[in-house]
């Protein structure tokens, strides 16, 4: 059994793989590390792969495991990264692209991850990362408007309308439709360069797009990133 540990800013995500199949998944808050260590002690683990963008975990708790690999800048990636500085490309973006290619090989892919920020990354059918976009996420957009004195800070409420007829509905539709338009516009522009394109949407705030974007694959964030990390681990396991 292989364990993928994805340590983010707020959660520790643990995904167990039997060969290439996900057997079980767990999530822990940063203040629940004791539960995470108990899980490690109770599990039959062959290899551990750790991707860490948050705080460090206690290395002494891992000493009994012989095969531990950390996602560092010197690891080989099963993609060709067309980025000016690969070390500045987020590990979560890399993992999501590798996971998407594992699930949908030999396809031109647009991977859209909607979280704190929105990332949109382009991957060709021969595994070349062309580049991407980064823009503010759903909740950042709500917060940014509240910096003006005349506009309130609203909580997200899904609106299917394409425009509003008061301040609150105008904010909701303005923010939500701008995200939808960004994805559609990027998709349209890419199709002028690529013969075909699969759009994969993931991330914690993707749900409001489910009924809006047609011909789109919606994927669980944990699965997509974890699958990519597992592939990277195997690619470096020599």
C-alpha atoms as a PDB file:
ATOM      1  CA  UNK A   1       0.000   0.000   0.000  1.00  0.00           C
ATOM      2  CA  UNK A   2       1.330   3.444  -0.958  1.00  0.00           C
ATOM      3  CA  UNK A   3       0.406   6.610   0.910  1.00  0.00           C
ATOM      4  CA  UNK A   4       0.182  10.049  -0.685  1.00  0.00           C
ATOM      5  CA  UNK A   5       0.313  12.903   1.823  1.00  0.00           C
ATOM      6  CA  UNK A   6      -0.750  16.315   0.518  1.00  0.00           C
ATOM      7  CA  UNK A   7      -0.124  18.998   3.133  1.00  0.00           C
ATOM      8  CA  UNK A   8      -1.841  22.260   2.298  1.00  0.00           C
ATOM      9  CA  UNK A   9      -2.358  25.498   4.173  1.00  0.00           C
ATOM     10  CA  UNK A  10      -5.308  24.180   6.202  1.00  0.00           C
ATOM     11  CA  UNK A  11      -5.602  20.417   5.633  1.00  0.00           C
ATOM     12  CA  UNK A  12      -3.496  17.282   5.591  1.00  0.00           C
ATOM     13  CA  UNK A  13      -4.911  14.907   2.981  1.00  0.00           C
ATOM     14  CA  UNK A  14      -3.911  11.245   3.117  1.00  0.00           C
ATOM     15  CA  UNK A  15      -4.761   8.978   0.174  1.00  0.00           C
ATOM     16  CA  UNK A  16      -3.952   5.262   0.156  1.00  0.00           C
ATOM     17  CA  UNK A  17      -3.263   3.521  -3.150  1.00  0.00           C
ATOM     18  CA  UNK A  18      -3.239  -0.208  -3.860  1.00  0.00           C
ATOM     19  CA  UNK A  19      -1.283  -0.287  -7.123  1.00  0.00           C
ATOM     20  CA  UNK A  20      -3.014   2.547  -9.009  1.00  0.00           C
ATOM     21  CA  UNK A  21      -6.387   2.232  -7.305  1.00  0.00           C
ATOM     22  CA  UNK A  22      -7.473   4.520  -4.491  1.00  0.00           C
ATOM     23  CA  UNK A  23      -8.399   2.401  -1.473  1.00  0.00           C
ATOM     24  CA  UNK A  24      -9.270   5.064   1.103  1.00  0.00           C
ATOM     25  CA  UNK A  25      -8.917   8.776   1.806  1.00  0.00           C
ATOM     26  CA  UNK A  26      -8.674  10.886   4.944  1.00  0.00           C
ATOM     27  CA  UNK A  27      -8.487  14.599   5.677  1.00  0.00           C
ATOM     28  CA  UNK A  28      -7.166  16.178   8.864  1.00  0.00           C
ATOM     29  CA  UNK A  29      -7.035  19.767  10.018  1.00  0.00           C
ATOM     30  CA  UNK A  30      -3.623  21.095  10.976  1.00  0.00           C
ATOM     31  CA  UNK A  31      -4.489  20.782  14.670  1.00  0.00           C
ATOM     32  CA  UNK A  32      -5.330  17.082  14.207  1.00  0.00           C
ATOM     33  CA  UNK A  33      -1.808  15.826  13.525  1.00  0.00           C
ATOM     34  CA  UNK A  34      -2.066  13.277  16.342  1.00  0.00           C
ATOM     35  CA  UNK A  35      -4.907  11.565  14.464  1.00  0.00           C
ATOM     36  CA  UNK A  36      -2.774  11.597  11.334  1.00  0.00           C
ATOM     37  CA  UNK A  37       0.171   9.948  13.124  1.00  0.00           C
ATOM     38  CA  UNK A  38      -2.142   7.320  14.623  1.00  0.00           C
ATOM     39  CA  UNK A  39      -3.356   6.530  11.110  1.00  0.00           C
ATOM     40  CA  UNK A  40       0.234   6.023   9.989  1.00  0.00           C
ATOM     41  CA  UNK A  41       0.964   3.715  12.910  1.00  0.00           C
ATOM     42  CA  UNK A  42      -2.118   1.599  12.211  1.00  0.00           C
ATOM     43  CA  UNK A  43      -1.554   1.250   8.457  1.00  0.00           C
ATOM     44  CA  UNK A  44       0.467  -1.186   6.381  1.00  0.00           C
ATOM     45  CA  UNK A  45       2.486   1.222   4.222  1.00  0.00           C
ATOM     46  CA  UNK A  46       5.167   0.381   1.667  1.00  0.00           C
ATOM     47  CA  UNK A  47       6.022   3.865   0.394  1.00  0.00           C
ATOM     48  CA  UNK A  48       5.114   7.420   1.352  1.00  0.00           C
ATOM     49  CA  UNK A  49       5.159  10.440  -0.949  1.00  0.00           C
ATOM     50  CA  UNK A  50       4.808  13.849   0.702  1.00  0.00           C
ATOM     51  CA  UNK A  51       3.857  17.098  -1.000  1.00  0.00           C
ATOM     52  CA  UNK A  52       4.065  19.989   1.426  1.00  0.00           C
ATOM     53  CA  UNK A  53       3.002  23.576   0.773  1.00  0.00           C
ATOM     54  CA  UNK A  54       2.015  24.177   4.393  1.00  0.00           C
ATOM     55  CA  UNK A  55       3.940  23.564   7.579  1.00  0.00           C
ATOM     56  CA  UNK A  56       6.382  20.734   8.164  1.00  0.00           C
ATOM     57  CA  UNK A  57       5.234  17.554   9.830  1.00  0.00           C
ATOM     58  CA  UNK A  58       7.286  15.867  12.534  1.00  0.00           C
ATOM     59  CA  UNK A  59       9.952  13.859  10.703  1.00  0.00           C
ATOM     60  CA  UNK A  60      10.611  11.749  13.787  1.00  0.00           C
ATOM     61  CA  UNK A  61       7.161  10.231  13.385  1.00  0.00           C
ATOM     62  CA  UNK A  62       8.221   8.813  10.012  1.00  0.00           C
ATOM     63  CA  UNK A  63      11.495   7.166  10.982  1.00  0.00           C
ATOM     64  CA  UNK A  64      10.063   3.643  10.899  1.00  0.00           C
ATOM     65  CA  UNK A  65       9.233   3.994   7.193  1.00  0.00           C
ATOM     66  CA  UNK A  66      12.138   3.165   4.909  1.00  0.00           C
ATOM     67  CA  UNK A  67      10.814   4.550   1.620  1.00  0.00           C
ATOM     68  CA  UNK A  68       9.824   8.192   1.910  1.00  0.00           C
ATOM     69  CA  UNK A  69       9.952  10.621  -1.000  1.00  0.00           C
ATOM     70  CA  UNK A  70       9.361  14.366  -0.794  1.00  0.00           C
ATOM     71  CA  UNK A  71       8.081  16.477  -3.674  1.00  0.00           C
ATOM     72  CA  UNK A  72      11.142  18.641  -4.244  1.00  0.00           C
ATOM     73  CA  UNK A  73      12.296  20.727  -7.175  1.00  0.00           C
ATOM     74  CA  UNK A  74      14.767  18.097  -8.378  1.00  0.00           C
ATOM     75  CA  UNK A  75      12.141  15.411  -8.967  1.00  0.00           C
ATOM     76  CA  UNK A  76      11.459  14.238 -12.489  1.00  0.00           C
ATOM     77  CA  UNK A  77       8.014  15.106 -13.842  1.00  0.00           C
ATOM     78  CA  UNK A  78       6.276  13.002 -16.531  1.00  0.00           C
ATOM     79  CA  UNK A  79       5.483  16.168 -18.493  1.00  0.00           C
ATOM     80  CA  UNK A  80       7.452  18.714 -20.474  1.00  0.00           C
ATOM     81  CA  UNK A  81       7.033  21.987 -18.582  1.00  0.00           C
ATOM     82  CA  UNK A  82       7.148  25.030 -20.843  1.00  0.00           C
ATOM     83  CA  UNK A  83       7.569  27.486 -17.961  1.00  0.00           C
ATOM     84  CA  UNK A  84      10.288  30.120 -17.563  1.00  0.00           C
ATOM     85  CA  UNK A  85      11.087  28.944 -14.033  1.00  0.00           C
ATOM     86  CA  UNK A  86       9.763  25.469 -13.241  1.00  0.00           C
ATOM     87  CA  UNK A  87      10.655  25.946  -9.574  1.00  0.00           C
ATOM     88  CA  UNK A  88       8.004  28.671  -9.355  1.00  0.00           C
ATOM     89  CA  UNK A  89       5.253  26.499 -10.816  1.00  0.00           C
ATOM     90  CA  UNK A  90       2.981  25.391  -7.978  1.00  0.00           C
ATOM     91  CA  UNK A  91       3.209  21.738  -6.975  1.00  0.00           C
ATOM     92  CA  UNK A  92      -0.575  21.489  -6.841  1.00  0.00           C
ATOM     93  CA  UNK A  93      -0.792  22.704 -10.451  1.00  0.00           C
ATOM     94  CA  UNK A  94       1.825  20.178 -11.557  1.00  0.00           C
ATOM     95  CA  UNK A  95       0.098  17.332  -9.717  1.00  0.00           C
ATOM     96  CA  UNK A  96      -3.314  18.236 -11.135  1.00  0.00           C
ATOM     97  CA  UNK A  97      -1.906  18.209 -14.669  1.00  0.00           C
ATOM     98  CA  UNK A  98      -0.168  14.867 -14.162  1.00  0.00           C
ATOM     99  CA  UNK A  99      -3.361  13.424 -12.676  1.00  0.00           C
ATOM    100  CA  UNK A 100      -5.452  14.734 -15.545  1.00  0.00           C
ATOM    101  CA  UNK A 101      -3.077  13.236 -18.110  1.00  0.00           C
ATOM    102  CA  UNK A 102      -3.174   9.904 -16.275  1.00  0.00           C
ATOM    103  CA  UNK A 103      -6.980   9.857 -16.453  1.00  0.00           C
ATOM    104  CA  UNK A 104      -7.251  11.283 -19.986  1.00  0.00           C
ATOM    105  CA  UNK A 105      -4.071  10.368 -21.901  1.00  0.00           C
ATOM    106  CA  UNK A 106      -3.369  11.630 -25.416  1.00  0.00           C
ATOM    107  CA  UNK A 107      -5.908  14.469 -25.063  1.00  0.00           C
ATOM    108  CA  UNK A 108      -5.472  18.212 -25.233  1.00  0.00           C
ATOM    109  CA  UNK A 109      -6.495  19.354 -21.754  1.00  0.00           C
ATOM    110  CA  UNK A 110      -7.524  22.567 -20.038  1.00  0.00           C
ATOM    111  CA  UNK A 111      -7.338  21.979 -16.279  1.00  0.00           C
ATOM    112  CA  UNK A 112      -9.286  24.572 -14.291  1.00  0.00           C
ATOM    113  CA  UNK A 113      -8.789  24.600 -10.517  1.00  0.00           C
ATOM    114  CA  UNK A 114     -11.171  26.889  -8.635  1.00  0.00           C
ATOM    115  CA  UNK A 115     -10.002  27.561  -5.085  1.00  0.00           C
ATOM    116  CA  UNK A 116      -8.521  30.600  -3.373  1.00  0.00           C
ATOM    117  CA  UNK A 117      -7.208  31.466  -6.825  1.00  0.00           C
ATOM    118  CA  UNK A 118      -8.356  30.180 -10.191  1.00  0.00           C
ATOM    119  CA  UNK A 119      -5.665  28.476 -12.230  1.00  0.00           C
ATOM    120  CA  UNK A 120      -6.199  27.402 -15.824  1.00  0.00           C
ATOM    121  CA  UNK A 121      -3.445  25.252 -17.307  1.00  0.00           C
ATOM    122  CA  UNK A 122      -3.052  23.973 -20.875  1.00  0.00           C
ATOM    123  CA  UNK A 123      -1.621  20.526 -21.561  1.00  0.00           C
ATOM    124  CA  UNK A 124      -1.175  19.166 -25.080  1.00  0.00           C
ATOM    125  CA  UNK A 125      -1.941  15.618 -26.153  1.00  0.00           C
ATOM    126  CA  UNK A 126       1.790  14.794 -26.164  1.00  0.00           C
ATOM    127  CA  UNK A 127       2.288  15.948 -22.576  1.00  0.00           C
ATOM    128  CA  UNK A 128       3.599  19.480 -23.078  1.00  0.00           C
ATOM    129  CA  UNK A 129       2.500  22.153 -20.606  1.00  0.00           C
ATOM    130  CA  UNK A 130       2.089  25.277 -22.726  1.00  0.00           C
ATOM    131  CA  UNK A 131       1.270  27.701 -19.918  1.00  0.00           C
ATOM    132  CA  UNK A 132      -1.680  28.935 -17.943  1.00  0.00           C
ATOM    133  CA  UNK A 133      -3.543  31.699 -16.199  1.00  0.00           C
ATOM    134  CA  UNK A 134      -3.965  32.738 -12.574  1.00  0.00           C
ATOM    135  CA  UNK A 135      -6.782  34.995 -11.411  1.00  0.00           C
ATOM    136  CA  UNK A 136      -8.615  35.708  -8.132  1.00  0.00           C
ATOM    137  CA  UNK A 137     -10.918  32.984  -6.881  1.00  0.00           C
ATOM    138  CA  UNK A 138     -14.607  33.255  -6.090  1.00  0.00           C
ATOM    139  CA  UNK A 139     -14.308  34.509  -2.513  1.00  0.00           C
ATOM    140  CA  UNK A 140     -11.382  36.821  -3.269  1.00  0.00           C
ATOM    141  CA  UNK A 141     -13.581  38.576  -5.806  1.00  0.00           C
ATOM    142  CA  UNK A 142     -16.307  39.142  -3.238  1.00  0.00           C
ATOM    143  CA  UNK A 143     -13.747  40.534  -0.776  1.00  0.00           C
ATOM    144  CA  UNK A 144     -12.152  42.828  -3.351  1.00  0.00           C
ATOM    145  CA  UNK A 145     -15.439  44.616  -4.056  1.00  0.00           C
ATOM    146  CA  UNK A 146     -16.053  45.228  -0.361  1.00  0.00           C
ATOM    147  CA  UNK A 147     -12.942  47.428  -0.217  1.00  0.00           C
ATOM    148  CA  UNK A 148     -15.091  50.222  -1.634  1.00  0.00           C
ATOM    149  CA  UNK A 149     -17.314  51.927   0.949  1.00  0.00           C
ATOM    150  CA  UNK A 150     -20.469  51.721  -1.130  1.00  0.00           C
ATOM    151  CA  UNK A 151     -20.418  47.960  -1.779  1.00  0.00           C
ATOM    152  CA  UNK A 152     -21.135  45.318   0.871  1.00  0.00           C
ATOM    153  CA  UNK A 153     -19.204  42.112   1.559  1.00  0.00           C
ATOM    154  CA  UNK A 154     -21.584  39.359   0.532  1.00  0.00           C
ATOM    155  CA  UNK A 155     -21.541  35.638   1.137  1.00  0.00           C
ATOM    156  CA  UNK A 156     -21.697  33.512  -1.992  1.00  0.00           C
ATOM    157  CA  UNK A 157     -25.223  32.735  -3.216  1.00  0.00           C
ATOM    158  CA  UNK A 158     -25.538  31.041  -6.590  1.00  0.00           C
ATOM    159  CA  UNK A 159     -27.385  33.108  -9.196  1.00  0.00           C
ATOM    160  CA  UNK A 160     -28.378  31.686 -12.543  1.00  0.00           C
ATOM    161  CA  UNK A 161     -29.341  35.116 -13.918  1.00  0.00           C
ATOM    162  CA  UNK A 162     -26.954  36.848 -16.290  1.00  0.00           C
ATOM    163  CA  UNK A 163     -27.469  40.287 -14.695  1.00  0.00           C
ATOM    164  CA  UNK A 164     -28.825  41.745 -11.463  1.00  0.00           C
ATOM    165  CA  UNK A 165     -31.506  44.339 -10.743  1.00  0.00           C
ATOM    166  CA  UNK A 166     -30.136  45.602  -7.431  1.00  0.00           C
ATOM    167  CA  UNK A 167     -26.697  46.016  -5.876  1.00  0.00           C
ATOM    168  CA  UNK A 168     -26.521  42.593  -4.253  1.00  0.00           C
ATOM    169  CA  UNK A 169     -27.734  40.612  -7.263  1.00  0.00           C
ATOM    170  CA  UNK A 170     -25.444  42.661  -9.524  1.00  0.00           C
ATOM    171  CA  UNK A 171     -22.450  41.690  -7.384  1.00  0.00           C
ATOM    172  CA  UNK A 172     -23.433  38.012  -7.403  1.00  0.00           C
ATOM    173  CA  UNK A 173     -24.015  37.870 -11.141  1.00  0.00           C
ATOM    174  CA  UNK A 174     -20.990  40.039 -11.923  1.00  0.00           C
ATOM    175  CA  UNK A 175     -18.604  37.805 -10.021  1.00  0.00           C
ATOM    176  CA  UNK A 176     -20.075  34.458 -10.998  1.00  0.00           C
ATOM    177  CA  UNK A 177     -20.654  35.237 -14.679  1.00  0.00           C
ATOM    178  CA  UNK A 178     -17.150  36.715 -14.974  1.00  0.00           C
ATOM    179  CA  UNK A 179     -15.667  33.372 -13.905  1.00  0.00           C
ATOM    180  CA  UNK A 180     -17.878  31.455 -16.329  1.00  0.00           C
ATOM    181  CA  UNK A 181     -16.981  33.883 -19.124  1.00  0.00           C
ATOM    182  CA  UNK A 182     -13.252  33.546 -18.381  1.00  0.00           C
ATOM    183  CA  UNK A 183     -13.374  29.785 -18.757  1.00  0.00           C
ATOM    184  CA  UNK A 184     -15.527  29.893 -21.895  1.00  0.00           C
ATOM    185  CA  UNK A 185     -13.372  32.578 -23.495  1.00  0.00           C
ATOM    186  CA  UNK A 186     -10.119  30.739 -22.782  1.00  0.00           C
ATOM    187  CA  UNK A 187     -11.633  27.528 -24.109  1.00  0.00           C
ATOM    188  CA  UNK A 188     -12.727  29.310 -27.291  1.00  0.00           C
ATOM    189  CA  UNK A 189      -9.315  30.917 -27.839  1.00  0.00           C
ATOM    190  CA  UNK A 190      -7.505  27.616 -27.294  1.00  0.00           C
ATOM    191  CA  UNK A 191      -9.711  25.835 -29.814  1.00  0.00           C
ATOM    192  CA  UNK A 192      -8.315  28.210 -32.462  1.00  0.00           C
ATOM    193  CA  UNK A 193      -4.880  26.675 -31.793  1.00  0.00           C
ATOM    194  CA  UNK A 194      -5.798  23.097 -30.869  1.00  0.00           C
ATOM    195  CA  UNK A 195      -8.036  20.769 -32.853  1.00  0.00           C
ATOM    196  CA  UNK A 196      -9.862  19.520 -29.778  1.00  0.00           C
ATOM    197  CA  UNK A 197      -9.884  20.200 -26.068  1.00  0.00           C
ATOM    198  CA  UNK A 198     -11.092  18.452 -22.922  1.00  0.00           C
ATOM    199  CA  UNK A 199     -11.970  20.853 -20.094  1.00  0.00           C
ATOM    200  CA  UNK A 200     -11.483  19.464 -16.580  1.00  0.00           C
ATOM    201  CA  UNK A 201     -12.772  21.542 -13.669  1.00  0.00           C
ATOM    202  CA  UNK A 202     -11.723  20.833 -10.105  1.00  0.00           C
ATOM    203  CA  UNK A 203     -11.354  22.669  -6.808  1.00  0.00           C
ATOM    204  CA  UNK A 204     -13.383  23.452  -3.727  1.00  0.00           C
ATOM    205  CA  UNK A 205     -15.560  26.118  -5.385  1.00  0.00           C
ATOM    206  CA  UNK A 206     -16.356  24.283  -8.597  1.00  0.00           C
ATOM    207  CA  UNK A 207     -19.906  23.255  -7.709  1.00  0.00           C
ATOM    208  CA  UNK A 208     -21.657  26.395  -8.919  1.00  0.00           C
ATOM    209  CA  UNK A 209     -20.322  25.660 -12.410  1.00  0.00           C
ATOM    210  CA  UNK A 210     -21.870  22.193 -12.659  1.00  0.00           C
ATOM    211  CA  UNK A 211     -24.940  23.353 -14.575  1.00  0.00           C
ATOM    212  CA  UNK A 212     -23.172  26.146 -16.447  1.00  0.00           C
ATOM    213  CA  UNK A 213     -20.362  24.529 -18.413  1.00  0.00           C
ATOM    214  CA  UNK A 214     -21.303  21.938 -20.990  1.00  0.00           C
ATOM    215  CA  UNK A 215     -18.952  19.271 -22.375  1.00  0.00           C
ATOM    216  CA  UNK A 216     -16.843  19.630 -19.253  1.00  0.00           C
ATOM    217  CA  UNK A 217     -15.417  16.962 -16.940  1.00  0.00           C
ATOM    218  CA  UNK A 218     -15.799  17.731 -13.238  1.00  0.00           C
ATOM    219  CA  UNK A 219     -13.253  15.964 -11.038  1.00  0.00           C
ATOM    220  CA  UNK A 220     -12.754  15.651  -7.300  1.00  0.00           C
ATOM    221  CA  UNK A 221      -9.815  17.825  -6.259  1.00  0.00           C
ATOM    222  CA  UNK A 222      -8.453  15.235  -3.848  1.00  0.00           C
ATOM    223  CA  UNK A 223      -8.547  12.499  -6.476  1.00  0.00           C
ATOM    224  CA  UNK A 224      -7.008  14.536  -9.287  1.00  0.00           C
ATOM    225  CA  UNK A 225      -4.103  15.882  -7.244  1.00  0.00           C
ATOM    226  CA  UNK A 226      -3.546  12.600  -5.377  1.00  0.00           C
ATOM    227  CA  UNK A 227      -3.497  10.606  -8.619  1.00  0.00           C
ATOM    228  CA  UNK A 228      -0.953  13.032 -10.032  1.00  0.00           C
ATOM    229  CA  UNK A 229       1.240  12.806  -6.946  1.00  0.00           C
ATOM    230  CA  UNK A 230       1.087   9.012  -7.079  1.00  0.00           C
ATOM    231  CA  UNK A 231       2.192   9.106 -10.723  1.00  0.00           C
ATOM    232  CA  UNK A 232       5.085  11.428  -9.880  1.00  0.00           C
ATOM    233  CA  UNK A 233       6.160   9.093  -7.077  1.00  0.00           C
ATOM    234  CA  UNK A 234       6.149   6.100  -9.439  1.00  0.00           C
ATOM    235  CA  UNK A 235       8.014   8.095 -12.077  1.00  0.00           C
ATOM    236  CA  UNK A 236      10.815   8.756  -9.585  1.00  0.00           C
ATOM    237  CA  UNK A 237      10.809   5.306  -7.989  1.00  0.00           C
ATOM    238  CA  UNK A 238      13.866   3.686  -9.511  1.00  0.00           C
END
